[in-house]
Amino acid sequence: MGRVIGFELSSQEPEKAADFYAEVFGWKVAEPHWDYWSVMTGKDTSPGINGGIGKGPNDFPHGTRVQIEVDSIDVAIPKSTKNGAIIVRDKMEFDDFYLAYLVDPVGLGFGLIQKK
C-alpha cells in the first residue's frame, strides 16, 4: 500500500481521482461528504497520515503534489501509467532513494519515492 507523508488533493473530477488512487495504491476511500472524500492511506499504527480528495474551487482547481512511498518504484510506475497516469520525470536515483514524478488521470501531480 502506498504511504503518503501528507496531503489534501483538489480536483475538478474528485470521483475519478478517488477511483485512481484506490485502484493503484489500495487506499480506502470513504463516501463523499460535501464534495470531499476522506481517504485512509494505511494503518494508523504505521508512520504517515491520512488525508482527503476534494472538489477544488474554480480559482484553485488542482492542488498539491504529494510524495507516495512505494515498495517498488519499478512496479508502481507501470501500474500508474496503465491506470491513466503520465510520467513527468521517470525514475531518478539519489543517494538513499529513487524518485519519479507523475500526473494522474485528472491532472494532479504526485511523486513516487522508494527508499534504498
Protein backbone atom coordinates (compact mmCIF):
# COMPACT_ATOMS: atom_id res chain seq x y z
CA MET A 1 0.00 0.00 0.00
CA GLY A 2 1.45 3.41 -0.96
CA ARG A 3 2.09 5.62 2.08
CA VAL A 4 1.78 9.41 1.97
CA ILE A 5 3.72 11.88 4.08
CA GLY A 6 0.89 14.41 3.96
CA PHE A 7 -1.73 15.74 1.53
CA GLU A 8 -5.00 17.23 0.51
CA LEU A 9 -5.77 16.85 -3.16
CA SER A 10 -8.00 19.23 -5.09
CA SER A 11 -9.59 18.19 -8.38
CA GLN A 12 -12.47 19.13 -10.65
CA GLU A 13 -13.10 15.37 -11.02
CA PRO A 14 -12.71 14.09 -7.44
CA GLU A 15 -14.58 10.83 -8.09
CA LYS A 16 -12.15 9.92 -10.88
CA ALA A 17 -9.19 10.87 -8.68
CA ALA A 18 -10.55 8.78 -5.79
CA ASP A 19 -11.02 5.75 -8.08
CA PHE A 20 -7.47 6.08 -9.43
CA TYR A 21 -5.76 6.22 -6.02
CA ALA A 22 -7.88 3.38 -4.64
CA GLU A 23 -7.01 1.14 -7.61
CA VAL A 24 -3.29 1.93 -7.86
CA PHE A 25 -2.33 2.26 -4.18
CA GLY A 26 -5.08 0.38 -2.34
CA TRP A 27 -6.33 3.46 -0.44
CA LYS A 28 -9.67 3.11 1.35
CA VAL A 29 -11.98 5.92 0.21
CA ALA A 30 -14.97 6.98 2.34
CA GLU A 31 -18.31 8.06 0.94
CA PRO A 32 -18.22 11.73 -0.08
CA HIS A 33 -19.29 14.45 2.29
CA TRP A 34 -19.69 17.93 0.75
CA ASP A 35 -17.59 17.01 -2.30
CA TYR A 36 -14.80 15.70 -0.05
CA TRP A 37 -13.69 12.06 0.13
CA SER A 38 -11.71 11.11 3.23
CA VAL A 39 -9.02 8.56 2.49
CA MET A 40 -7.13 6.13 4.68
CA THR A 41 -3.69 5.50 3.24
CA GLY A 42 -2.62 2.78 5.66
CA LYS A 43 -2.84 1.51 9.20
CA ASP A 44 -2.81 4.21 11.88
CA THR A 45 -0.04 2.27 13.64
CA SER A 46 2.31 2.91 10.69
CA PRO A 47 4.16 6.19 10.03
CA GLY A 48 2.32 8.54 7.72
CA ILE A 49 -1.01 10.32 7.64
CA ASN A 50 -4.41 10.01 6.08
CA GLY A 51 -5.99 12.79 4.06
CA GLY A 52 -8.67 13.55 1.55
CA ILE A 53 -9.65 14.31 -2.02
CA GLY A 54 -11.96 17.22 -2.63
CA LYS A 55 -13.52 19.16 -5.45
CA GLY A 56 -11.24 22.15 -5.92
CA PRO A 57 -12.72 25.64 -6.26
CA ASN A 58 -12.55 27.39 -9.64
CA ASP A 59 -9.60 29.56 -8.60
CA PHE A 60 -7.62 26.51 -7.39
CA PRO A 61 -8.95 23.60 -9.46
CA HIS A 62 -5.98 21.28 -8.89
CA GLY A 63 -3.73 21.09 -5.86
CA THR A 64 -0.62 19.77 -4.22
CA ARG A 65 1.87 17.23 -5.39
CA VAL A 66 2.34 14.53 -2.79
CA GLN A 67 5.14 12.08 -2.14
CA ILE A 68 3.95 8.48 -2.02
CA GLU A 69 6.33 5.87 -0.65
CA VAL A 70 6.22 2.54 -2.50
CA ASP A 71 7.98 -0.80 -2.03
CA SER A 72 9.00 -0.88 -5.69
CA ILE A 73 9.06 2.17 -7.92
CA ASP A 74 9.62 -0.18 -10.89
CA VAL A 75 6.21 -1.76 -10.18
CA ALA A 76 4.37 1.45 -9.25
CA ILE A 77 5.30 3.43 -12.38
CA PRO A 78 3.85 1.00 -14.95
CA LYS A 79 0.83 0.29 -12.74
CA SER A 80 0.19 4.04 -12.59
CA THR A 81 0.51 4.55 -16.34
CA LYS A 82 -1.71 1.53 -17.01
CA ASN A 83 -4.37 3.32 -14.95
CA GLY A 84 -4.04 6.59 -16.86
CA ALA A 85 -1.08 8.44 -15.30
CA ILE A 86 1.54 10.31 -17.33
CA ILE A 87 5.22 10.27 -16.41
CA VAL A 88 6.62 13.78 -15.90
CA ARG A 89 10.09 12.65 -14.80
CA ASP A 90 10.95 8.95 -14.87
CA LYS A 91 12.84 7.12 -12.12
CA MET A 92 15.78 9.12 -10.80
CA GLU A 93 18.44 7.78 -8.44
CA PHE A 94 19.61 9.65 -5.35
CA ASP A 95 21.92 8.54 -2.51
CA ASP A 96 19.21 6.98 -0.32
CA PHE A 97 16.15 6.70 -2.55
CA TYR A 98 14.62 6.59 -6.03
CA LEU A 99 12.10 9.24 -7.11
CA ALA A 100 9.74 9.77 -10.04
CA TYR A 101 7.14 12.43 -10.82
CA LEU A 102 3.84 11.62 -12.49
CA VAL A 103 0.48 13.24 -13.18
CA ASP A 104 -2.67 11.21 -12.53
CA PRO A 105 -5.64 10.95 -14.95
CA VAL A 106 -7.23 14.17 -13.61
CA GLY A 107 -4.08 16.31 -13.73
CA LEU A 108 -2.81 16.00 -10.15
CA GLY A 109 0.94 15.80 -9.77
CA PHE A 110 2.48 13.27 -7.39
CA GLY A 111 5.85 11.81 -6.60
CA LEU A 112 6.77 8.18 -6.11
CA ILE A 113 9.59 7.51 -3.69
CA GLN A 114 11.32 4.23 -2.85
CA LYS A 115 13.94 4.03 -0.13
CA LYS A 116 17.06 2.02 -0.95
